[in-house]
Amino acid sequence: MGMNLNRFCYLLLALAAVGSLLTLHPAAVWFLLASLLTFIIYGVDKTAARKAWRRVPESTLLVLGVVGGWPGAIVGQQLFRHKTQKQPFKTFFFASVIVNVIVLAGLYYMTTLTR
């Protein structure tokens, strides 16, 4: 079941990627879908933690944040009070947000140079 839940998370992420490519603004839609998906998965994982069910691996939660779902992760962490204190997860997550923002800023800067 746990592995199936993990695979399901990645399947949803892949569907979000394909769906975003089919839109006029794929990057914006990707970040919206990745954030929404990540938010929902944080809620599912919090419910699983409360009921002692199989959990979403921390590595999957980190991957969801790294690929663009970090805004949804931040909202989910605060709203569900989930993964806000746990170390080293908190440190890895914070570092992934910083790297993500730096990469996005760099990409934005590069696209403005080419205009």
N, C-alpha and C. Protein backbone atom coordinates (compact mmCIF):
# COMPACT_ATOMS: atom_id res chain seq x y z
N MET A 1 0.83 -1.20 0.00
CA MET A 1 0.00 0.00 0.00
C MET A 1 0.87 1.26 0.00
N GLY A 2 1.88 1.31 0.86
CA GLY A 2 2.74 2.49 0.95
C GLY A 2 3.43 2.79 -0.37
N MET A 3 3.95 1.73 -1.01
CA MET A 3 4.60 1.93 -2.29
C MET A 3 3.58 2.37 -3.32
N ASN A 4 2.36 1.83 -3.25
CA ASN A 4 1.32 2.25 -4.17
C ASN A 4 0.97 3.72 -3.97
N LEU A 5 0.90 4.17 -2.72
CA LEU A 5 0.63 5.58 -2.43
C LEU A 5 1.74 6.45 -3.00
N ASN A 6 2.98 6.02 -2.83
CA ASN A 6 4.11 6.77 -3.36
C ASN A 6 4.05 6.83 -4.88
N ARG A 7 3.78 5.71 -5.51
CA ARG A 7 3.65 5.69 -6.97
C ARG A 7 2.50 6.58 -7.44
N PHE A 8 1.42 6.57 -6.69
CA PHE A 8 0.26 7.40 -7.02
C PHE A 8 0.63 8.88 -6.98
N CYS A 9 1.43 9.27 -5.99
CA CYS A 9 1.89 10.67 -5.90
C CYS A 9 2.67 11.06 -7.14
N TYR A 10 3.58 10.18 -7.56
CA TYR A 10 4.38 10.47 -8.75
C TYR A 10 3.54 10.43 -10.03
N LEU A 11 2.55 9.56 -10.07
CA LEU A 11 1.65 9.51 -11.22
C LEU A 11 0.88 10.83 -11.34
N LEU A 12 0.37 11.33 -10.21
CA LEU A 12 -0.33 12.61 -10.23
C LEU A 12 0.60 13.74 -10.65
N LEU A 13 1.84 13.70 -10.20
CA LEU A 13 2.82 14.71 -10.58
C LEU A 13 3.07 14.66 -12.09
N ALA A 14 3.20 13.46 -12.64
CA ALA A 14 3.41 13.31 -14.09
C ALA A 14 2.19 13.82 -14.87
N LEU A 15 0.99 13.51 -14.39
CA LEU A 15 -0.22 14.01 -15.06
C LEU A 15 -0.29 15.53 -15.01
N ALA A 16 0.14 16.12 -13.90
CA ALA A 16 0.17 17.58 -13.79
C ALA A 16 1.16 18.16 -14.80
N ALA A 17 2.30 17.50 -14.97
CA ALA A 17 3.29 17.98 -15.93
C ALA A 17 2.74 17.93 -17.35
N VAL A 18 2.14 16.81 -17.71
CA VAL A 18 1.57 16.67 -19.06
C VAL A 18 0.45 17.68 -19.26
N GLY A 19 -0.42 17.80 -18.26
CA GLY A 19 -1.52 18.76 -18.36
C GLY A 19 -1.04 20.18 -18.53
N SER A 20 0.00 20.54 -17.81
CA SER A 20 0.50 21.92 -17.91
C SER A 20 1.10 22.19 -19.28
N LEU A 21 1.70 21.17 -19.90
CA LEU A 21 2.29 21.36 -21.23
C LEU A 21 1.23 21.63 -22.29
N LEU A 22 0.00 21.27 -22.01
CA LEU A 22 -1.08 21.43 -22.98
C LEU A 22 -1.78 22.79 -22.85
N THR A 23 -1.22 23.69 -22.06
CA THR A 23 -1.84 25.00 -21.85
C THR A 23 -1.04 26.10 -22.50
N LEU A 24 -1.61 27.30 -22.52
CA LEU A 24 -0.92 28.45 -23.12
C LEU A 24 0.24 28.94 -22.25
N HIS A 25 0.14 28.72 -20.94
CA HIS A 25 1.17 29.17 -20.01
C HIS A 25 1.64 27.99 -19.16
N PRO A 26 2.42 27.10 -19.77
CA PRO A 26 2.77 25.85 -19.08
C PRO A 26 3.50 26.05 -17.76
N ALA A 27 4.40 27.01 -17.66
CA ALA A 27 5.16 27.21 -16.41
C ALA A 27 4.22 27.64 -15.28
N ALA A 28 3.35 28.59 -15.57
CA ALA A 28 2.43 29.07 -14.53
C ALA A 28 1.47 27.96 -14.10
N VAL A 29 0.95 27.23 -15.07
CA VAL A 29 0.02 26.14 -14.76
C VAL A 29 0.75 25.04 -13.99
N TRP A 30 2.01 24.75 -14.39
CA TRP A 30 2.78 23.74 -13.67
C TRP A 30 2.92 24.10 -12.20
N PHE A 31 3.33 25.33 -11.91
CA PHE A 31 3.52 25.72 -10.51
C PHE A 31 2.20 25.70 -9.74
N LEU A 32 1.14 26.08 -10.38
CA LEU A 32 -0.17 26.03 -9.73
C LEU A 32 -0.57 24.58 -9.43
N LEU A 33 -0.46 23.70 -10.43
CA LEU A 33 -0.82 22.30 -10.23
C LEU A 33 0.10 21.60 -9.23
N ALA A 34 1.41 21.85 -9.33
CA ALA A 34 2.36 21.22 -8.41
C ALA A 34 2.10 21.67 -6.98
N SER A 35 1.79 22.96 -6.81
CA SER A 35 1.50 23.47 -5.47
C SER A 35 0.21 22.89 -4.91
N LEU A 36 -0.82 22.83 -5.74
CA LEU A 36 -2.10 22.27 -5.32
C LEU A 36 -1.94 20.79 -4.96
N LEU A 37 -1.25 20.05 -5.81
CA LEU A 37 -1.02 18.63 -5.56
C LEU A 37 -0.22 18.43 -4.27
N THR A 38 0.82 19.22 -4.08
CA THR A 38 1.66 19.09 -2.89
C THR A 38 0.85 19.42 -1.63
N PHE A 39 0.04 20.45 -1.70
CA PHE A 39 -0.83 20.81 -0.57
C PHE A 39 -1.74 19.64 -0.20
N ILE A 40 -2.38 19.05 -1.20
CA ILE A 40 -3.29 17.92 -0.96
C ILE A 40 -2.54 16.73 -0.36
N ILE A 41 -1.35 16.45 -0.88
CA ILE A 41 -0.59 15.30 -0.38
C ILE A 41 -0.13 15.53 1.06
N TYR A 42 0.19 16.77 1.42
CA TYR A 42 0.51 17.05 2.83
C TYR A 42 -0.70 16.76 3.71
N GLY A 43 -1.89 17.12 3.25
CA GLY A 43 -3.10 16.82 4.01
C GLY A 43 -3.35 15.33 4.14
N VAL A 44 -3.14 14.60 3.05
CA VAL A 44 -3.30 13.15 3.08
C VAL A 44 -2.29 12.52 4.03
N ASP A 45 -1.05 13.00 3.99
CA ASP A 45 -0.01 12.44 4.86
C ASP A 45 -0.29 12.75 6.33
N LYS A 46 -0.81 13.93 6.61
CA LYS A 46 -1.16 14.26 8.00
C LYS A 46 -2.27 13.34 8.49
N THR A 47 -3.27 13.09 7.65
CA THR A 47 -4.35 12.17 8.02
C THR A 47 -3.78 10.77 8.26
N ALA A 48 -2.89 10.34 7.39
CA ALA A 48 -2.26 9.02 7.54
C ALA A 48 -1.47 8.95 8.85
N ALA A 49 -0.80 10.03 9.21
CA ALA A 49 -0.03 10.05 10.46
C ALA A 49 -0.95 9.91 11.67
N ARG A 50 -2.07 10.59 11.64
CA ARG A 50 -3.03 10.53 12.76
C ARG A 50 -3.65 9.15 12.92
N LYS A 51 -3.88 8.47 11.80
CA LYS A 51 -4.59 7.19 11.82
C LYS A 51 -3.64 5.99 11.77
N ALA A 52 -2.33 6.25 11.84
CA ALA A 52 -1.31 5.20 11.80
C ALA A 52 -1.40 4.36 10.52
N TRP A 53 -1.70 5.02 9.40
CA TRP A 53 -1.72 4.37 8.10
C TRP A 53 -0.34 4.49 7.47
N ARG A 54 -0.18 3.87 6.31
CA ARG A 54 1.06 4.02 5.55
C ARG A 54 1.21 5.48 5.16
N ARG A 55 2.45 5.96 5.20
CA ARG A 55 2.72 7.38 4.99
C ARG A 55 3.36 7.64 3.63
N VAL A 56 3.30 8.88 3.23
CA VAL A 56 4.04 9.34 2.05
C VAL A 56 5.49 9.53 2.51
N PRO A 57 6.45 8.92 1.82
CA PRO A 57 7.84 9.08 2.24
C PRO A 57 8.28 10.55 2.24
N GLU A 58 9.13 10.90 3.20
CA GLU A 58 9.63 12.28 3.27
C GLU A 58 10.35 12.65 1.98
N SER A 59 11.03 11.70 1.38
CA SER A 59 11.74 12.00 0.13
C SER A 59 10.75 12.44 -0.96
N THR A 60 9.57 11.85 -0.99
CA THR A 60 8.56 12.25 -1.97
C THR A 60 8.05 13.65 -1.66
N LEU A 61 7.82 13.95 -0.39
CA LEU A 61 7.39 15.30 -0.02
C LEU A 61 8.44 16.33 -0.42
N LEU A 62 9.71 15.99 -0.24
CA LEU A 62 10.79 16.91 -0.64
C LEU A 62 10.85 17.08 -2.15
N VAL A 63 10.70 15.98 -2.89
CA VAL A 63 10.71 16.06 -4.36
C VAL A 63 9.57 16.95 -4.85
N LEU A 64 8.39 16.77 -4.27
CA LEU A 64 7.24 17.60 -4.67
C LEU A 64 7.54 19.08 -4.46
N GLY A 65 8.22 19.40 -3.37
CA GLY A 65 8.59 20.78 -3.12
C GLY A 65 9.65 21.29 -4.09
N VAL A 66 10.65 20.46 -4.36
CA VAL A 66 11.76 20.86 -5.23
C VAL A 66 11.30 21.15 -6.65
N VAL A 67 10.35 20.36 -7.14
CA VAL A 67 9.93 20.54 -8.53
C VAL A 67 8.91 21.66 -8.72
N GLY A 68 8.64 22.40 -7.67
CA GLY A 68 7.77 23.56 -7.82
C GLY A 68 6.58 23.60 -6.89
N GLY A 69 6.39 22.57 -6.09
CA GLY A 69 5.23 22.54 -5.20
C GLY A 69 5.48 23.15 -3.83
N TRP A 70 6.61 23.83 -3.66
CA TRP A 70 6.94 24.36 -2.34
C TRP A 70 5.94 25.39 -1.81
N PRO A 71 5.30 26.23 -2.64
CA PRO A 71 4.30 27.12 -2.04
C PRO A 71 3.14 26.33 -1.41
N GLY A 72 2.68 25.29 -2.09
CA GLY A 72 1.63 24.44 -1.55
C GLY A 72 2.09 23.69 -0.30
N ALA A 73 3.38 23.32 -0.30
CA ALA A 73 3.94 22.63 0.87
C ALA A 73 3.95 23.56 2.08
N ILE A 74 4.34 24.81 1.86
CA ILE A 74 4.37 25.77 2.98
C ILE A 74 2.97 25.98 3.54
N VAL A 75 2.00 26.16 2.67
CA VAL A 75 0.62 26.34 3.13
C VAL A 75 0.13 25.08 3.84
N GLY A 76 0.42 23.90 3.26
CA GLY A 76 0.01 22.64 3.87
C GLY A 76 0.67 22.42 5.22
N GLN A 77 1.94 22.75 5.33
CA GLN A 77 2.64 22.60 6.61
C GLN A 77 1.98 23.44 7.69
N GLN A 78 1.63 24.66 7.36
CA GLN A 78 1.04 25.55 8.35
C GLN A 78 -0.41 25.18 8.65
N LEU A 79 -1.20 24.93 7.62
CA LEU A 79 -2.61 24.63 7.81
C LEU A 79 -2.82 23.31 8.54
N PHE A 80 -2.05 22.29 8.16
CA PHE A 80 -2.22 20.97 8.76
C PHE A 80 -1.30 20.74 9.96
N ARG A 81 -0.43 21.72 10.25
CA ARG A 81 0.57 21.57 11.33
C ARG A 81 1.35 20.27 11.12
N HIS A 82 1.91 20.17 9.92
CA HIS A 82 2.57 18.93 9.51
C HIS A 82 3.97 19.22 9.01
N LYS A 83 4.94 18.52 9.55
CA LYS A 83 6.34 18.63 9.16
C LYS A 83 6.92 20.01 9.48
N THR A 84 6.41 20.67 10.48
CA THR A 84 6.91 22.01 10.82
C THR A 84 8.06 21.97 11.81
N GLN A 85 8.22 20.88 12.54
CA GLN A 85 9.26 20.79 13.56
C GLN A 85 10.30 19.71 13.28
N LYS A 86 9.96 18.76 12.43
CA LYS A 86 10.81 17.58 12.25
C LYS A 86 12.11 17.91 11.53
N GLN A 87 13.21 17.55 12.18
CA GLN A 87 14.54 17.70 11.58
C GLN A 87 15.02 16.31 11.17
N PRO A 88 15.77 16.12 10.12
CA PRO A 88 16.35 17.14 9.24
C PRO A 88 15.43 17.57 8.11
N PHE A 89 14.20 17.05 8.08
CA PHE A 89 13.26 17.39 7.00
C PHE A 89 13.13 18.90 6.83
N LYS A 90 12.94 19.60 7.92
CA LYS A 90 12.74 21.05 7.89
C LYS A 90 13.93 21.75 7.23
N THR A 91 15.13 21.31 7.57
CA THR A 91 16.34 21.92 6.99
C THR A 91 16.43 21.62 5.50
N PHE A 92 16.20 20.37 5.11
CA PHE A 92 16.25 20.00 3.69
C PHE A 92 15.18 20.76 2.91
N PHE A 93 13.99 20.87 3.48
CA PHE A 93 12.91 21.58 2.80
C PHE A 93 13.27 23.05 2.60
N PHE A 94 13.76 23.69 3.65
CA PHE A 94 14.13 25.10 3.56
C PHE A 94 15.21 25.31 2.50
N ALA A 95 16.21 24.44 2.49
CA ALA A 95 17.27 24.54 1.48
C ALA A 95 16.71 24.36 0.08
N SER A 96 15.76 23.44 -0.09
CA SER A 96 15.18 23.21 -1.41
C SER A 96 14.38 24.42 -1.89
N VAL A 97 13.72 25.10 -0.96
CA VAL A 97 12.98 26.32 -1.33
C VAL A 97 13.95 27.41 -1.79
N ILE A 98 15.04 27.58 -1.05
CA ILE A 98 16.04 28.59 -1.42
C ILE A 98 16.62 28.29 -2.80
N VAL A 99 17.00 27.04 -3.04
CA VAL A 99 17.55 26.65 -4.35
C VAL A 99 16.51 26.89 -5.44
N ASN A 100 15.27 26.52 -5.19
CA ASN A 100 14.20 26.70 -6.17
C ASN A 100 14.01 28.16 -6.52
N VAL A 101 13.99 29.03 -5.51
CA VAL A 101 13.81 30.47 -5.75
C VAL A 101 15.00 31.03 -6.53
N ILE A 102 16.21 30.61 -6.19
CA ILE A 102 17.41 31.08 -6.91
C ILE A 102 17.36 30.65 -8.37
N VAL A 103 16.97 29.39 -8.62
CA VAL A 103 16.88 28.89 -9.99
C VAL A 103 15.80 29.66 -10.76
N LEU A 104 14.65 29.88 -10.14
CA LEU A 104 13.58 30.63 -10.80
C LEU A 104 14.01 32.06 -11.10
N ALA A 105 14.68 32.69 -10.16
CA ALA A 105 15.17 34.06 -10.37
C ALA A 105 16.18 34.07 -11.52
N GLY A 106 17.06 33.07 -11.55
CA GLY A 106 18.03 32.97 -12.63
C GLY A 106 17.37 32.78 -13.98
N LEU A 107 16.38 31.91 -14.04
CA LEU A 107 15.66 31.69 -15.29
C LEU A 107 14.93 32.96 -15.74
N TYR A 108 14.32 33.64 -14.79
CA TYR A 108 13.64 34.89 -15.12
C TYR A 108 14.63 35.92 -15.67
N TYR A 109 15.77 36.01 -15.00
CA TYR A 109 16.81 36.96 -15.43
C TYR A 109 17.30 36.61 -16.84
N MET A 110 17.53 35.33 -17.08
CA MET A 110 18.00 34.90 -18.39
C MET A 110 16.98 35.19 -19.49
N THR A 111 15.70 35.01 -19.20
CA THR A 111 14.68 35.27 -20.22
C THR A 111 14.53 36.76 -20.49
N THR A 112 14.78 37.59 -19.48
CA THR A 112 14.69 39.03 -19.72
C THR A 112 15.88 39.53 -20.51
N LEU A 113 17.03 38.84 -20.44
CA LEU A 113 18.20 39.22 -21.24
C LEU A 113 18.01 38.91 -22.71
N THR A 114 17.25 37.88 -23.01
CA THR A 114 17.07 37.46 -24.39
C THR A 114 15.97 38.23 -25.11
N ARG A 115 15.28 39.10 -24.41
CA ARG A 115 14.19 39.86 -25.06
C ARG A 115 14.69 41.07 -25.76
